[in-house]
């Protein structure tokens, strides 16, 4: 009877350990949809986790920085000073994998048709170059780029869709990298 209880405890511990390891390495898919229109001068965004929308809002540029409106009553100000120092904070996030990047440019070409056609040509050229460059480095990466010209419009808009995959292990490693970087800075002073 005692042996059965000990075996049951060991099985429970093994199952718990298996579930914890599975959760840590299970992939998490985060998708972002952005839309910027020159007519409205705001950036609309939607953030999805496993295809379920978790955040919705819009951003506007002010003199102090970029303000993100998350709800009718909640807004977050990202100052330009902090944006300049973000380069060092992004380095630990290089392990996250971008799976999909889709761009859709809607260009009003009423005034400058040749500039608009040249812009679309350059976009397609850069898309083909990036696809060629990433063919062997990241064969799973999907890049799509559309450029639509509207001859009777004066404003333009850009739609961006991106999907990133990561797991909790990557998040833990990123936190460790950030903490060790801060510890090195604190010890060097």
N, C-alpha and C. Protein backbone atom coordinates (compact mmCIF):
# COMPACT_ATOMS: atom_id res chain seq x y z
N UNK A 1 0.82 -1.19 0.00
CA UNK A 1 0.00 0.00 0.00
C UNK A 1 0.86 1.25 0.00
N UNK A 2 1.91 1.25 0.82
CA UNK A 2 2.83 2.39 0.88
C UNK A 2 3.56 2.58 -0.44
N UNK A 3 3.93 1.44 -1.06
CA UNK A 3 4.62 1.52 -2.35
C UNK A 3 3.72 2.14 -3.42
N UNK A 4 2.44 1.85 -3.38
CA UNK A 4 1.51 2.43 -4.36
C UNK A 4 1.41 3.94 -4.20
N UNK A 5 1.41 4.44 -2.95
CA UNK A 5 1.36 5.88 -2.71
C UNK A 5 2.64 6.55 -3.20
N UNK A 6 3.77 5.92 -2.97
CA UNK A 6 5.05 6.50 -3.42
C UNK A 6 5.10 6.53 -4.95
N UNK A 7 4.67 5.45 -5.58
CA UNK A 7 4.66 5.39 -7.05
C UNK A 7 3.70 6.44 -7.60
N UNK A 8 2.52 6.60 -6.98
CA UNK A 8 1.54 7.60 -7.42
C UNK A 8 2.12 9.01 -7.30
N UNK A 9 2.85 9.29 -6.21
CA UNK A 9 3.49 10.60 -6.04
C UNK A 9 4.52 10.85 -7.13
N UNK A 10 5.33 9.83 -7.42
CA UNK A 10 6.34 9.96 -8.47
C UNK A 10 5.69 10.19 -9.84
N UNK A 11 4.61 9.49 -10.10
CA UNK A 11 3.91 9.68 -11.38
C UNK A 11 3.33 11.09 -11.45
N UNK A 12 2.77 11.60 -10.35
CA UNK A 12 2.23 12.97 -10.33
C UNK A 12 3.35 13.99 -10.55
N UNK A 13 4.49 13.76 -9.93
CA UNK A 13 5.62 14.67 -10.11
C UNK A 13 6.10 14.64 -11.56
N UNK A 14 6.20 13.46 -12.15
CA UNK A 14 6.63 13.35 -13.54
C UNK A 14 5.64 14.00 -14.50
N UNK A 15 4.35 13.81 -14.26
CA UNK A 15 3.33 14.43 -15.12
C UNK A 15 3.40 15.95 -14.99
N UNK A 16 3.54 16.45 -13.77
CA UNK A 16 3.66 17.90 -13.54
C UNK A 16 4.90 18.45 -14.23
N UNK A 17 6.01 17.75 -14.10
CA UNK A 17 7.25 18.19 -14.74
C UNK A 17 7.11 18.18 -16.25
N UNK A 18 6.46 17.15 -16.80
CA UNK A 18 6.22 17.08 -18.24
C UNK A 18 5.36 18.25 -18.73
N UNK A 19 4.30 18.57 -17.97
CA UNK A 19 3.42 19.68 -18.35
C UNK A 19 4.18 21.01 -18.28
N UNK A 20 4.99 21.21 -17.26
CA UNK A 20 5.77 22.45 -17.13
C UNK A 20 6.75 22.60 -18.30
N UNK A 21 7.46 21.53 -18.64
CA UNK A 21 8.40 21.57 -19.76
C UNK A 21 7.65 21.83 -21.06
N UNK A 22 6.50 21.20 -21.23
CA UNK A 22 5.70 21.39 -22.43
C UNK A 22 5.23 22.84 -22.56
N UNK A 23 4.79 23.44 -21.45
CA UNK A 23 4.35 24.84 -21.47
C UNK A 23 5.52 25.77 -21.78
N UNK A 24 6.69 25.47 -21.26
CA UNK A 24 7.86 26.33 -21.48
C UNK A 24 8.30 26.30 -22.94
N UNK A 25 8.24 25.14 -23.59
CA UNK A 25 8.72 25.08 -24.98
C UNK A 25 7.60 25.19 -26.01
N UNK A 26 6.34 25.25 -25.58
CA UNK A 26 5.22 25.37 -26.51
C UNK A 26 5.29 26.71 -27.25
N UNK A 27 5.16 26.72 -28.57
CA UNK A 27 5.27 28.00 -29.30
C UNK A 27 4.07 28.92 -29.05
N UNK A 28 4.38 30.19 -28.95
CA UNK A 28 3.38 31.23 -28.77
C UNK A 28 3.40 32.10 -30.02
N UNK A 29 2.23 32.27 -30.64
CA UNK A 29 2.13 33.06 -31.86
C UNK A 29 1.50 34.41 -31.53
N UNK A 30 2.24 35.47 -31.83
CA UNK A 30 1.79 36.84 -31.60
C UNK A 30 1.70 37.53 -32.95
N UNK A 31 0.52 38.08 -33.26
CA UNK A 31 0.32 38.77 -34.54
C UNK A 31 -0.01 40.23 -34.28
N UNK A 32 0.44 41.08 -35.20
CA UNK A 32 0.22 42.52 -35.09
C UNK A 32 -0.31 43.02 -36.44
N UNK A 33 -1.37 43.82 -36.38
CA UNK A 33 -1.90 44.48 -37.57
C UNK A 33 -1.81 45.99 -37.34
N UNK A 34 -1.18 46.68 -38.28
CA UNK A 34 -1.03 48.13 -38.20
C UNK A 34 -1.63 48.76 -39.45
N UNK A 35 -2.21 49.95 -39.29
CA UNK A 35 -2.74 50.70 -40.41
C UNK A 35 -2.45 52.17 -40.17
N UNK A 36 -1.77 52.80 -41.14
CA UNK A 36 -1.51 54.24 -41.06
C UNK A 36 -2.09 54.91 -42.29
N UNK A 37 -2.85 55.95 -42.07
CA UNK A 37 -3.48 56.70 -43.15
C UNK A 37 -3.01 58.15 -43.09
N UNK A 38 -2.58 58.68 -44.23
CA UNK A 38 -2.16 60.08 -44.25
C UNK A 38 -3.36 61.02 -44.11
N UNK A 39 -4.55 60.53 -44.39
CA UNK A 39 -5.75 61.34 -44.26
C UNK A 39 -6.08 61.59 -42.78
N UNK A 40 -6.04 60.54 -41.97
CA UNK A 40 -6.38 60.64 -40.55
C UNK A 40 -5.18 60.99 -39.67
N UNK A 41 -3.98 60.72 -40.13
CA UNK A 41 -2.73 60.96 -39.39
C UNK A 41 -2.67 60.21 -38.06
N UNK A 42 -3.22 58.98 -38.04
CA UNK A 42 -3.11 58.13 -36.85
C UNK A 42 -2.71 56.72 -37.28
N UNK A 43 -2.09 56.02 -36.36
CA UNK A 43 -1.70 54.63 -36.58
C UNK A 43 -2.63 53.75 -35.77
N UNK A 44 -3.44 52.95 -36.44
CA UNK A 44 -4.34 52.02 -35.75
C UNK A 44 -3.60 50.69 -35.61
N UNK A 45 -3.79 50.03 -34.46
CA UNK A 45 -3.12 48.75 -34.25
C UNK A 45 -4.04 47.76 -33.56
N UNK A 46 -3.79 46.49 -33.87
CA UNK A 46 -4.47 45.36 -33.23
C UNK A 46 -3.40 44.32 -32.94
N UNK A 47 -3.44 43.75 -31.75
CA UNK A 47 -2.49 42.71 -31.36
C UNK A 47 -3.27 41.44 -31.01
N UNK A 48 -2.84 40.34 -31.61
CA UNK A 48 -3.51 39.05 -31.43
C UNK A 48 -2.55 38.04 -30.80
N UNK A 49 -3.09 37.23 -29.92
CA UNK A 49 -2.35 36.11 -29.33
C UNK A 49 -3.11 34.84 -29.67
N UNK A 50 -2.49 33.95 -30.44
CA UNK A 50 -3.13 32.73 -30.94
C UNK A 50 -4.39 33.06 -31.73
N UNK A 51 -4.39 34.17 -32.45
CA UNK A 51 -5.53 34.56 -33.27
C UNK A 51 -6.65 35.25 -32.52
N UNK A 52 -6.50 35.43 -31.22
CA UNK A 52 -7.51 36.10 -30.39
C UNK A 52 -7.03 37.51 -30.10
N UNK A 53 -7.86 38.51 -30.41
CA UNK A 53 -7.45 39.90 -30.21
C UNK A 53 -7.32 40.20 -28.72
N UNK A 54 -6.13 40.70 -28.32
CA UNK A 54 -5.89 41.02 -26.92
C UNK A 54 -5.72 42.53 -26.70
N UNK A 55 -5.43 43.27 -27.76
CA UNK A 55 -5.22 44.71 -27.60
C UNK A 55 -5.62 45.42 -28.89
N UNK A 56 -6.25 46.57 -28.73
CA UNK A 56 -6.75 47.34 -29.86
C UNK A 56 -6.59 48.81 -29.49
N UNK A 57 -6.16 49.62 -30.43
CA UNK A 57 -6.03 51.03 -30.13
C UNK A 57 -5.46 51.80 -31.31
N UNK A 58 -5.04 53.03 -31.02
CA UNK A 58 -4.41 53.84 -32.05
C UNK A 58 -3.35 54.72 -31.42
N UNK A 59 -2.44 55.21 -32.26
CA UNK A 59 -1.33 56.04 -31.79
C UNK A 59 -1.29 57.33 -32.60
N UNK A 60 -0.84 58.40 -31.94
CA UNK A 60 -0.70 59.70 -32.57
C UNK A 60 0.62 60.30 -32.15
N UNK A 61 1.22 61.10 -33.04
CA UNK A 61 2.49 61.74 -32.73
C UNK A 61 2.21 63.13 -32.15
N UNK A 62 2.82 63.40 -31.00
CA UNK A 62 2.74 64.70 -30.35
C UNK A 62 4.14 65.31 -30.29
N UNK A 63 4.26 66.51 -29.76
CA UNK A 63 5.58 67.14 -29.61
C UNK A 63 6.46 66.38 -28.62
N UNK A 64 5.86 65.84 -27.57
CA UNK A 64 6.61 65.14 -26.52
C UNK A 64 7.00 63.72 -26.91
N UNK A 65 6.18 63.10 -27.76
CA UNK A 65 6.43 61.72 -28.13
C UNK A 65 5.22 61.12 -28.83
N UNK A 66 5.08 59.82 -28.72
CA UNK A 66 3.98 59.10 -29.35
C UNK A 66 3.01 58.68 -28.25
N UNK A 67 1.75 59.02 -28.43
CA UNK A 67 0.74 58.64 -27.44
C UNK A 67 -0.08 57.48 -28.00
N UNK A 68 -0.19 56.43 -27.20
CA UNK A 68 -0.95 55.23 -27.55
C UNK A 68 -2.26 55.25 -26.78
N UNK A 69 -3.38 55.28 -27.50
CA UNK A 69 -4.70 55.23 -26.88
C UNK A 69 -5.14 53.78 -26.87
N UNK A 70 -5.19 53.18 -25.68
CA UNK A 70 -5.53 51.77 -25.55
C UNK A 70 -7.02 51.56 -25.32
N UNK A 71 -7.64 52.45 -24.56
CA UNK A 71 -9.08 52.46 -24.37
C UNK A 71 -9.53 53.92 -24.42
N UNK A 72 -10.82 54.16 -24.20
CA UNK A 72 -11.31 55.54 -24.21
C UNK A 72 -10.70 56.37 -23.08
N UNK A 73 -10.36 55.70 -21.97
CA UNK A 73 -9.85 56.41 -20.80
C UNK A 73 -8.36 56.17 -20.55
N UNK A 74 -7.75 55.22 -21.25
CA UNK A 74 -6.36 54.84 -20.99
C UNK A 74 -5.47 55.20 -22.17
N UNK A 75 -4.42 55.96 -21.86
CA UNK A 75 -3.44 56.32 -22.89
C UNK A 75 -2.04 56.19 -22.29
N UNK A 76 -1.08 55.89 -23.14
CA UNK A 76 0.31 55.70 -22.73
C UNK A 76 1.19 56.58 -23.60
N UNK A 77 2.03 57.40 -22.97
CA UNK A 77 2.92 58.30 -23.71
C UNK A 77 4.32 57.69 -23.76
N UNK A 78 4.83 57.50 -24.96
CA UNK A 78 6.20 57.02 -25.17
C UNK A 78 7.01 58.22 -25.64
N UNK A 79 7.89 58.70 -24.76
CA UNK A 79 8.65 59.91 -25.06
C UNK A 79 9.76 59.61 -26.06
N UNK A 80 10.09 60.62 -26.86
CA UNK A 80 11.12 60.46 -27.88
C UNK A 80 12.48 60.12 -27.26
N UNK A 81 12.76 60.61 -26.06
CA UNK A 81 14.03 60.30 -25.39
C UNK A 81 14.17 58.80 -25.16
N UNK A 82 13.08 58.16 -24.72
CA UNK A 82 13.15 56.73 -24.45
C UNK A 82 13.21 55.91 -25.73
N UNK A 83 12.68 56.45 -26.83
CA UNK A 83 12.74 55.74 -28.11
C UNK A 83 14.18 55.65 -28.59
N UNK A 84 14.96 56.72 -28.36
CA UNK A 84 16.35 56.72 -28.80
C UNK A 84 17.20 55.70 -28.06
N UNK A 85 16.85 55.39 -26.82
CA UNK A 85 17.64 54.42 -26.04
C UNK A 85 17.11 53.00 -26.18
N UNK A 86 16.16 52.76 -27.07
CA UNK A 86 15.54 51.44 -27.20
C UNK A 86 16.46 50.42 -27.90
N UNK A 87 17.46 50.90 -28.63
CA UNK A 87 18.34 50.01 -29.39
C UNK A 87 18.99 48.96 -28.48
N UNK A 88 19.47 49.38 -27.31
CA UNK A 88 20.12 48.44 -26.40
C UNK A 88 19.12 47.49 -25.75
N UNK A 89 17.87 47.92 -25.62
CA UNK A 89 16.86 47.08 -24.98
C UNK A 89 16.32 46.02 -25.92
N UNK A 90 16.50 46.18 -27.22
CA UNK A 90 15.96 45.23 -28.20
C UNK A 90 16.91 44.06 -28.43
N UNK A 91 18.19 44.21 -28.14
CA UNK A 91 19.16 43.14 -28.40
C UNK A 91 18.76 41.79 -27.82
N UNK A 92 18.23 41.71 -26.59
CA UNK A 92 17.81 40.38 -26.09
C UNK A 92 16.65 39.78 -26.87
N UNK A 93 15.93 40.55 -27.65
CA UNK A 93 14.76 40.05 -28.37
C UNK A 93 15.11 39.53 -29.76
N UNK A 94 16.39 39.42 -30.08
CA UNK A 94 16.79 38.96 -31.41
C UNK A 94 16.51 37.48 -31.64
N UNK A 95 16.23 36.74 -30.58
CA UNK A 95 15.97 35.31 -30.72
C UNK A 95 14.54 35.01 -31.15
N UNK A 96 13.67 36.00 -31.14
CA UNK A 96 12.30 35.81 -31.55
C UNK A 96 12.26 35.72 -33.08
N UNK A 97 11.39 34.90 -33.61
CA UNK A 97 11.38 34.66 -35.05
C UNK A 97 10.17 35.31 -35.71
N UNK A 98 10.44 36.13 -36.69
CA UNK A 98 9.39 36.74 -37.50
C UNK A 98 9.02 35.74 -38.59
N UNK A 99 7.77 35.30 -38.59
CA UNK A 99 7.31 34.31 -39.56
C UNK A 99 6.72 34.95 -40.81
N UNK A 100 5.92 35.99 -40.62
CA UNK A 100 5.17 36.59 -41.72
C UNK A 100 5.27 38.11 -41.63
N UNK A 101 5.48 38.73 -42.78
CA UNK A 101 5.42 40.19 -42.88
C UNK A 101 4.71 40.51 -44.19
N UNK A 102 3.52 41.10 -44.06
CA UNK A 102 2.74 41.47 -45.23
C UNK A 102 2.55 42.98 -45.21
N UNK A 103 2.88 43.62 -46.32
CA UNK A 103 2.73 45.06 -46.46
C UNK A 103 1.76 45.35 -47.60
N UNK A 104 0.90 46.31 -47.38
CA UNK A 104 -0.03 46.71 -48.42
C UNK A 104 -0.02 48.24 -48.47
N UNK A 105 0.46 48.79 -49.57
CA UNK A 105 0.53 50.23 -49.76
C UNK A 105 -0.60 50.66 -50.69
N UNK A 106 -1.41 51.58 -50.24
CA UNK A 106 -2.47 52.19 -51.06
C UNK A 106 -2.05 53.63 -51.29
N UNK A 107 -1.67 53.94 -52.51
CA UNK A 107 -1.07 55.23 -52.80
C UNK A 107 -1.99 56.05 -53.70
N UNK A 108 -2.32 57.23 -53.21
CA UNK A 108 -3.10 58.17 -54.02
C UNK A 108 -2.17 58.87 -54.99
N UNK A 109 -2.40 58.67 -56.26
CA UNK A 109 -1.48 59.16 -57.28
C UNK A 109 -2.08 60.29 -58.12
N UNK A 110 -3.00 61.04 -57.54
CA UNK A 110 -3.68 62.07 -58.31
C UNK A 110 -2.70 63.17 -58.76
N UNK A 111 -1.78 63.55 -57.89
CA UNK A 111 -0.87 64.65 -58.19
C UNK A 111 0.42 64.20 -58.89
N UNK A 112 1.05 63.13 -58.36
CA UNK A 112 2.38 62.74 -58.84
C UNK A 112 2.37 61.26 -59.23
N UNK A 113 1.92 60.97 -60.40
CA UNK A 113 1.78 59.58 -60.85
C UNK A 113 3.14 58.92 -61.04
N UNK A 114 4.12 59.64 -61.60
CA UNK A 114 5.44 59.03 -61.84
C UNK A 114 6.16 58.71 -60.54
N UNK A 115 6.05 59.57 -59.53
CA UNK A 115 6.65 59.28 -58.23
C UNK A 115 6.01 58.05 -57.61
N UNK A 116 4.70 57.93 -57.72
CA UNK A 116 3.99 56.79 -57.15
C UNK A 116 4.38 55.48 -57.84
N UNK A 117 4.48 55.51 -59.16
CA UNK A 117 4.89 54.30 -59.90
C UNK A 117 6.32 53.93 -59.54
N UNK A 118 7.20 54.91 -59.45
CA UNK A 118 8.59 54.65 -59.04
C UNK A 118 8.68 54.07 -57.65
N UNK A 119 7.85 54.58 -56.73
CA UNK A 119 7.82 54.07 -55.36
C UNK A 119 7.39 52.60 -55.34
N UNK A 120 6.35 52.28 -56.09
CA UNK A 120 5.88 50.88 -56.16
C UNK A 120 6.95 49.97 -56.76
N UNK A 121 7.65 50.45 -57.78
CA UNK A 121 8.72 49.67 -58.38
C UNK A 121 9.83 49.39 -57.37
N UNK A 122 10.22 50.42 -56.61
CA UNK A 122 11.26 50.24 -55.58
C UNK A 122 10.81 49.26 -54.51
N UNK A 123 9.56 49.31 -54.11
CA UNK A 123 9.05 48.36 -53.11
C UNK A 123 9.15 46.92 -53.61
N UNK A 124 8.76 46.69 -54.83
CA UNK A 124 8.85 45.33 -55.39
C UNK A 124 10.30 44.88 -55.52
N UNK A 125 11.20 45.81 -55.87
CA UNK A 125 12.61 45.48 -55.99
C UNK A 125 13.18 45.08 -54.63
N UNK A 126 12.88 45.87 -53.59
CA UNK A 126 13.39 45.54 -52.26
C UNK A 126 12.78 44.24 -51.75
N UNK A 127 11.52 43.98 -52.07
CA UNK A 127 10.90 42.72 -51.67
C UNK A 127 11.64 41.54 -52.29
N UNK A 128 11.94 41.61 -53.58
CA UNK A 128 12.64 40.50 -54.24
C UNK A 128 14.05 40.34 -53.68
N UNK A 129 14.72 41.44 -53.37
CA UNK A 129 16.06 41.35 -52.79
C UNK A 129 16.03 40.71 -51.41
N UNK A 130 15.08 41.13 -50.57
CA UNK A 130 14.98 40.56 -49.22
C UNK A 130 14.61 39.09 -49.28
N UNK A 131 13.70 38.71 -50.18
CA UNK A 131 13.35 37.30 -50.34
C UNK A 131 14.57 36.49 -50.77
N UNK A 132 15.36 37.01 -51.70
CA UNK A 132 16.56 36.31 -52.15
C UNK A 132 17.56 36.18 -51.00
N UNK A 133 17.73 37.25 -50.23
CA UNK A 133 18.69 37.25 -49.12
C UNK A 133 18.29 36.28 -48.02
N UNK A 134 16.99 36.19 -47.73
CA UNK A 134 16.53 35.36 -46.62
C UNK A 134 16.16 33.93 -47.02
N UNK A 135 16.31 33.60 -48.31
CA UNK A 135 15.93 32.26 -48.77
C UNK A 135 16.65 31.17 -48.00
N UNK A 136 17.94 31.34 -47.75
CA UNK A 136 18.71 30.31 -47.06
C UNK A 136 18.82 30.57 -45.57
N UNK A 137 18.78 31.83 -45.17
CA UNK A 137 18.92 32.15 -43.75
C UNK A 137 17.64 31.83 -42.97
N UNK A 138 16.49 32.21 -43.51
CA UNK A 138 15.20 31.95 -42.86
C UNK A 138 14.20 31.48 -43.91
N UNK A 139 14.25 30.21 -44.29
CA UNK A 139 13.37 29.73 -45.37
C UNK A 139 11.89 29.74 -44.99
N UNK A 140 11.57 29.81 -43.71
CA UNK A 140 10.18 29.82 -43.27
C UNK A 140 9.56 31.21 -43.34
N UNK A 141 10.36 32.23 -43.56
CA UNK A 141 9.88 33.62 -43.55
C UNK A 141 9.07 33.93 -44.81
N UNK A 142 7.88 34.51 -44.62
CA UNK A 142 7.01 34.88 -45.73
C UNK A 142 6.90 36.40 -45.80
N UNK A 143 7.29 36.96 -46.93
CA UNK A 143 7.19 38.40 -47.16
C UNK A 143 6.30 38.64 -48.35
N UNK A 144 5.26 39.44 -48.15
CA UNK A 144 4.37 39.81 -49.25
C UNK A 144 4.23 41.31 -49.26
N UNK A 145 4.25 41.87 -50.44
CA UNK A 145 4.22 43.30 -50.60
C UNK A 145 3.28 43.65 -51.75
N UNK A 146 2.26 44.43 -51.49
CA UNK A 146 1.34 44.89 -52.53
C UNK A 146 1.38 46.40 -52.59
N UNK A 147 1.30 46.90 -53.79
CA UNK A 147 1.28 48.34 -53.99
C UNK A 147 0.11 48.67 -54.92
N UNK A 148 -0.87 49.39 -54.40
CA UNK A 148 -2.06 49.74 -55.17
C UNK A 148 -2.05 51.24 -55.45
N UNK A 149 -2.21 51.60 -56.71
CA UNK A 149 -2.27 53.01 -57.11
C UNK A 149 -3.72 53.40 -57.33
N UNK A 150 -4.10 54.54 -56.77
CA UNK A 150 -5.43 55.10 -56.97
C UNK A 150 -5.28 56.46 -57.62
N UNK A 151 -5.69 56.56 -58.85
CA UNK A 151 -5.47 57.78 -59.63
C UNK A 151 -6.36 58.94 -59.19
N UNK A 152 -7.47 58.65 -58.54
CA UNK A 152 -8.39 59.72 -58.16
C UNK A 152 -8.29 60.08 -56.67
N UNK A 153 -7.28 59.59 -55.96
CA UNK A 153 -7.12 59.87 -54.52
C UNK A 153 -5.87 60.72 -54.30
N UNK A 154 -5.88 61.49 -53.21
CA UNK A 154 -4.70 62.29 -52.86
C UNK A 154 -4.01 61.76 -51.61
N UNK A 155 -4.67 60.95 -50.82
CA UNK A 155 -4.06 60.44 -49.59
C UNK A 155 -3.61 58.99 -49.79
N UNK A 156 -2.73 58.56 -48.89
CA UNK A 156 -2.18 57.21 -48.96
C UNK A 156 -2.36 56.51 -47.63
N UNK A 157 -2.24 55.19 -47.65
CA UNK A 157 -2.29 54.42 -46.41
C UNK A 157 -1.38 53.20 -46.53
N UNK A 158 -0.96 52.71 -45.38
CA UNK A 158 -0.09 51.53 -45.32
C UNK A 158 -0.71 50.56 -44.34
N UNK A 159 -0.84 49.31 -44.73
CA UNK A 159 -1.28 48.23 -43.85
C UNK A 159 -0.11 47.28 -43.67
N UNK A 160 0.14 46.89 -42.42
CA UNK A 160 1.22 45.96 -42.11
C UNK A 160 0.67 44.85 -41.24
N UNK A 161 1.03 43.63 -41.57
CA UNK A 161 0.66 42.47 -40.76
C UNK A 161 1.92 41.67 -40.50
N UNK A 162 2.19 41.37 -39.25
CA UNK A 162 3.36 40.58 -38.90
C UNK A 162 3.01 39.52 -37.86
N UNK A 163 3.68 38.37 -37.94
CA UNK A 163 3.47 37.30 -36.97
C UNK A 163 4.83 36.86 -36.44
N UNK A 164 4.92 36.80 -35.12
CA UNK A 164 6.16 36.41 -34.44
C UNK A 164 5.87 35.14 -33.65
N UNK A 165 6.85 34.25 -33.61
CA UNK A 165 6.72 33.05 -32.79
C UNK A 165 7.83 33.04 -31.75
N UNK A 166 7.48 32.65 -30.54
CA UNK A 166 8.44 32.53 -29.45
C UNK A 166 7.84 31.57 -28.44
N UNK A 167 8.57 31.31 -27.37
CA UNK A 167 8.04 30.48 -26.29
C UNK A 167 8.49 31.05 -24.95
N UNK A 168 8.00 30.47 -23.88
CA UNK A 168 8.33 30.99 -22.55
C UNK A 168 9.81 30.86 -22.24
N UNK A 169 10.46 29.86 -22.81
CA UNK A 169 11.90 29.71 -22.60
C UNK A 169 12.65 30.91 -23.18
N UNK A 170 12.23 31.37 -24.36
CA UNK A 170 12.85 32.56 -24.95
C UNK A 170 12.62 33.79 -24.08
N UNK A 171 11.42 33.90 -23.51
CA UNK A 171 11.13 35.03 -22.63
C UNK A 171 12.02 34.98 -21.39
N UNK A 172 12.16 33.80 -20.82
CA UNK A 172 13.04 33.66 -19.64
C UNK A 172 14.48 34.00 -19.99
N UNK A 173 14.96 33.54 -21.15
CA UNK A 173 16.33 33.85 -21.57
C UNK A 173 16.49 35.35 -21.83
N UNK A 174 15.48 36.00 -22.39
CA UNK A 174 15.54 37.44 -22.62
C UNK A 174 15.61 38.19 -21.30
N UNK A 175 14.82 37.76 -20.34
CA UNK A 175 14.86 38.41 -19.02
C UNK A 175 16.22 38.23 -18.38
N UNK A 176 16.79 37.04 -18.51
CA UNK A 176 18.13 36.79 -17.96
C UNK A 176 19.16 37.68 -18.64
N UNK A 177 19.08 37.82 -19.99
CA UNK A 177 20.02 38.69 -20.71
C UNK A 177 19.89 40.14 -20.26
N UNK A 178 18.66 40.60 -20.06
CA UNK A 178 18.45 41.99 -19.62
C UNK A 178 19.00 42.18 -18.21
N UNK A 179 18.73 41.23 -17.32
CA UNK A 179 19.21 41.36 -15.94
C UNK A 179 20.73 41.28 -15.85
N UNK A 180 21.35 40.39 -16.64
CA UNK A 180 22.81 40.33 -16.62
C UNK A 180 23.42 41.59 -17.21
N UNK A 181 22.78 42.17 -18.23
CA UNK A 181 23.26 43.44 -18.79
C UNK A 181 23.19 44.56 -17.77
N UNK A 182 22.10 44.61 -17.00
CA UNK A 182 21.95 45.63 -15.96
C UNK A 182 22.95 45.39 -14.83
N UNK A 183 23.19 44.12 -14.51
CA UNK A 183 24.15 43.79 -13.45
C UNK A 183 25.56 44.18 -13.88
N UNK A 184 25.92 43.95 -15.15
CA UNK A 184 27.23 44.36 -15.64
C UNK A 184 27.38 45.87 -15.57
N UNK A 185 26.33 46.59 -15.96
CA UNK A 185 26.38 48.06 -15.90
C UNK A 185 26.53 48.55 -14.47
N UNK A 186 25.81 47.90 -13.54
CA UNK A 186 25.88 48.32 -12.14
C UNK A 186 27.26 48.02 -11.55
N UNK A 187 27.85 46.88 -11.93
CA UNK A 187 29.17 46.52 -11.39
C UNK A 187 30.29 47.36 -12.00
N UNK A 188 30.11 47.80 -13.24
CA UNK A 188 31.16 48.60 -13.88
C UNK A 188 31.20 50.04 -13.37
N UNK A 189 30.12 50.48 -12.73
CA UNK A 189 30.09 51.86 -12.20
C UNK A 189 30.67 51.93 -10.87
